[in-house]
Amino acid sequence: MYGIINVAIQDYALANFGQEKWDVIKQDSGVDIDFSLTDNVYSDTVAYKIAQATANEMNLDANVVLQELGENVIYTTSTKFNSFIDSRGDTLKDYLVNLPNFHNRIAMIYPELNAPQFKVSHVEDDSLHMHYVSQTKGISPFIKGYLIGLTKLFNEPQATVTFLESVTNGRQQDIFKISW
């Protein structure tokens, strides 16, 4: 996981729960990193651990927290690191089609990242399938939130993100249909 995602996680917790609760959530999660460092690489289990600790502390459903964290990644990236968004496409479809290439470049820059992969299939005029491949199980609500965040960013209010299925062949593959 690239450090920008951790900035978004921290922003989410501070905005929704405040500094005191954020400190408790970090401690309860067992995650001991500097959430302000954007150029560092972290395991993608960080989001999962933070979501679990948030759910426990705030008496929320962990999948809801994961989805909200995913949405907030897009919000934080678009407001604090907008060059990442601007460089991937002018429309939702363009962005999604370019997402696998962006992640491939990140994986080459940070080989220690063990980056997840995005793959696109079934590309139509009004929809496509996004495949998220990772070694981390249970992260699909985060990815769904990320995709929902993109539909909001690109002002596609009629867009839907539907989880289709999970396939495990050594690595977890979650498949989503995004329609607009």
Protein backbone atom coordinates (compact mmCIF):
# COMPACT_ATOMS: atom_id res chain seq x y z
CA MET A 1 0.00 0.00 0.00
CA TYR A 2 1.34 3.38 -0.97
CA GLY A 3 1.57 5.97 1.83
CA ILE A 4 -1.05 8.30 0.35
CA ILE A 5 -3.68 5.76 1.32
CA ASN A 6 -2.55 5.99 4.94
CA VAL A 7 -2.91 9.78 4.84
CA ALA A 8 -6.50 9.23 3.68
CA ILE A 9 -7.12 6.73 6.49
CA GLN A 10 -5.88 9.21 9.08
CA ASP A 11 -7.93 12.04 7.53
CA TYR A 12 -11.04 9.85 7.64
CA ALA A 13 -10.59 9.02 11.32
CA LEU A 14 -9.78 12.57 12.38
CA ALA A 15 -12.72 14.06 10.46
CA ASN A 16 -15.21 11.51 11.76
CA PHE A 17 -14.01 10.71 15.27
CA GLY A 18 -11.41 13.28 16.39
CA GLN A 19 -7.81 13.06 17.58
CA GLU A 20 -8.51 11.27 20.87
CA LYS A 21 -10.42 8.42 19.22
CA TRP A 22 -7.85 8.25 16.40
CA ASP A 23 -5.09 7.72 18.96
CA VAL A 24 -7.09 4.89 20.56
CA ILE A 25 -7.84 3.33 17.15
CA LYS A 26 -4.16 3.37 16.16
CA GLN A 27 -3.13 1.81 19.45
CA ASP A 28 -5.85 -0.86 19.31
CA SER A 29 -4.98 -1.73 15.70
CA GLY A 30 -1.36 -2.50 16.53
CA VAL A 31 -0.32 -0.41 13.53
CA ASP A 32 2.75 1.61 14.43
CA ILE A 33 3.58 3.78 11.43
CA ASP A 34 3.79 7.48 10.64
CA PHE A 35 0.55 8.07 8.75
CA SER A 36 1.84 11.36 7.33
CA LEU A 37 4.61 9.79 5.23
CA THR A 38 3.34 9.58 1.67
CA ASP A 39 6.35 8.04 -0.06
CA ASN A 40 6.68 4.98 2.13
CA VAL A 41 5.34 1.55 1.31
CA TYR A 42 3.15 -0.43 3.72
CA SER A 43 1.27 -3.70 3.72
CA ASP A 44 -2.32 -3.37 2.54
CA THR A 45 -3.34 -5.05 5.79
CA VAL A 46 -2.97 -1.59 7.42
CA ALA A 47 -6.39 -0.53 6.10
CA TYR A 48 -7.94 -3.78 7.28
CA LYS A 49 -6.45 -3.49 10.79
CA ILE A 50 -7.49 0.16 11.12
CA ALA A 51 -11.02 -0.68 9.93
CA GLN A 52 -11.29 -3.49 12.48
CA ALA A 53 -10.05 -1.27 15.31
CA THR A 54 -12.37 1.56 14.22
CA ALA A 55 -15.33 -0.80 14.09
CA ASN A 56 -14.55 -2.11 17.57
CA GLU A 57 -13.96 1.32 19.11
CA MET A 58 -16.92 3.06 17.46
CA ASN A 59 -19.31 0.06 17.45
CA LEU A 60 -19.58 0.06 13.66
CA ASP A 61 -19.61 -2.65 11.01
CA ALA A 62 -16.03 -3.25 9.78
CA ASN A 63 -17.17 -3.64 6.16
CA VAL A 64 -18.91 -0.25 6.31
CA VAL A 65 -15.74 1.31 7.72
CA LEU A 66 -13.63 -0.32 4.99
CA GLN A 67 -15.97 1.01 2.30
CA GLU A 68 -15.89 4.52 3.79
CA LEU A 69 -12.08 4.36 3.97
CA GLY A 70 -11.98 3.41 0.29
CA GLU A 71 -14.21 6.35 -0.63
CA ASN A 72 -12.08 8.68 1.45
CA VAL A 73 -8.93 7.62 -0.40
CA ILE A 74 -10.38 9.20 -3.53
CA TYR A 75 -11.46 12.34 -1.67
CA THR A 76 -8.05 12.81 -0.03
CA THR A 77 -6.15 12.02 -3.21
CA SER A 78 -8.23 14.47 -5.25
CA THR A 79 -7.86 17.28 -2.69
CA LYS A 80 -4.27 16.80 -1.51
CA PHE A 81 -2.58 14.92 -4.33
CA ASN A 82 -4.67 15.81 -7.37
CA SER A 83 -1.87 15.15 -9.86
CA PHE A 84 -2.42 11.44 -9.19
CA ILE A 85 -6.03 11.80 -10.26
CA ASP A 86 -5.44 14.18 -13.15
CA SER A 87 -2.86 11.92 -14.77
CA ARG A 88 -5.16 8.92 -15.18
CA GLY A 89 -8.01 10.17 -17.37
CA ASP A 90 -10.68 12.79 -17.89
CA THR A 91 -13.68 10.48 -17.54
CA LEU A 92 -14.62 7.66 -15.20
CA LYS A 93 -14.17 5.12 -17.98
CA ASP A 94 -10.74 6.48 -18.98
CA TYR A 95 -9.61 6.53 -15.36
CA LEU A 96 -10.70 2.94 -14.75
CA VAL A 97 -9.15 1.68 -17.99
CA ASN A 98 -5.86 3.42 -17.07
CA LEU A 99 -5.83 2.25 -13.44
CA PRO A 100 -4.03 -1.06 -14.13
CA ASN A 101 -1.20 0.76 -15.93
CA PHE A 102 -0.79 3.18 -13.02
CA HIS A 103 -0.55 0.33 -10.52
CA ASN A 104 1.95 -1.48 -12.73
CA ARG A 105 4.17 1.64 -12.72
CA ILE A 106 3.91 1.92 -8.93
CA ALA A 107 4.91 -1.75 -8.64
CA MET A 108 8.00 -1.11 -10.78
CA ILE A 109 8.98 1.96 -8.75
CA TYR A 110 8.44 0.16 -5.43
CA PRO A 111 9.25 -3.53 -6.01
CA GLU A 112 9.03 -4.20 -2.25
CA LEU A 113 5.39 -3.08 -2.32
CA ASN A 114 3.95 -6.44 -3.42
CA ALA A 115 1.30 -4.28 -5.04
CA PRO A 116 -2.18 -5.48 -5.77
CA GLN A 117 -3.19 -5.63 -9.40
CA PHE A 118 -6.15 -4.13 -11.18
CA LYS A 119 -7.36 -5.73 -14.39
CA VAL A 120 -10.16 -4.56 -16.67
CA SER A 121 -12.48 -6.77 -18.70
CA HIS A 122 -15.89 -6.62 -20.38
CA VAL A 123 -15.40 -2.99 -21.46
CA GLU A 124 -18.62 -1.58 -22.92
CA ASP A 125 -19.83 1.95 -23.67
CA ASP A 126 -21.60 2.14 -20.32
CA SER A 127 -19.84 -0.38 -18.07
CA LEU A 128 -16.80 -2.51 -17.38
CA HIS A 129 -15.58 -5.17 -14.98
CA MET A 130 -12.74 -4.33 -12.60
CA HIS A 131 -10.71 -7.19 -11.16
CA TYR A 132 -8.75 -6.50 -7.98
CA VAL A 133 -6.07 -9.10 -7.29
CA SER A 134 -4.31 -9.10 -3.92
CA GLN A 135 -2.83 -11.37 -1.28
CA THR A 136 -5.03 -9.71 1.34
CA LYS A 137 -8.41 -11.30 1.92
CA GLY A 138 -11.36 -9.30 3.21
CA ILE A 139 -10.42 -6.02 1.54
CA SER A 140 -13.18 -6.01 -1.11
CA PRO A 141 -15.37 -3.46 0.76
CA PHE A 142 -12.39 -1.06 0.67
CA ILE A 143 -12.07 -1.50 -3.10
CA LYS A 144 -15.82 -1.07 -3.57
CA GLY A 145 -15.58 2.21 -1.63
CA TYR A 146 -12.62 3.27 -3.76
CA LEU A 147 -14.65 2.64 -6.92
CA ILE A 148 -17.72 4.44 -5.49
CA GLY A 149 -15.45 7.36 -4.63
CA LEU A 150 -14.38 7.50 -8.27
CA THR A 151 -17.98 7.61 -9.48
CA LYS A 152 -18.54 10.60 -7.19
CA LEU A 153 -15.32 12.31 -8.24
CA PHE A 154 -16.25 12.05 -11.90
CA ASN A 155 -19.76 13.28 -11.13
CA GLU A 156 -21.51 10.11 -12.27
CA PRO A 157 -24.51 10.09 -9.89
CA GLN A 158 -26.27 7.34 -11.85
CA ALA A 159 -23.22 5.06 -11.68
CA THR A 160 -23.38 1.82 -9.74
CA VAL A 161 -20.66 -0.42 -8.35
CA THR A 162 -21.72 -4.03 -7.96
CA PHE A 163 -19.62 -6.75 -6.36
CA LEU A 164 -19.84 -9.76 -8.67
CA GLU A 165 -17.68 -12.47 -7.13
CA SER A 166 -14.49 -13.46 -5.36
CA VAL A 167 -12.15 -16.04 -6.84
CA THR A 168 -9.13 -17.49 -5.04
CA ASN A 169 -6.30 -19.01 -7.03
CA GLY A 170 -3.33 -18.38 -4.77
CA ARG A 171 -4.31 -14.72 -4.65
CA GLN A 172 -7.68 -13.19 -3.89
CA GLN A 173 -9.46 -11.76 -6.94
CA ASP A 174 -12.53 -9.59 -6.37
CA ILE A 175 -14.57 -8.67 -9.44
CA PHE A 176 -16.79 -5.59 -9.62
CA LYS A 177 -19.05 -4.26 -12.33
CA ILE A 178 -19.06 -0.49 -12.69
CA SER A 179 -21.94 0.89 -14.76
CA TRP A 180 -22.56 4.52 -15.67
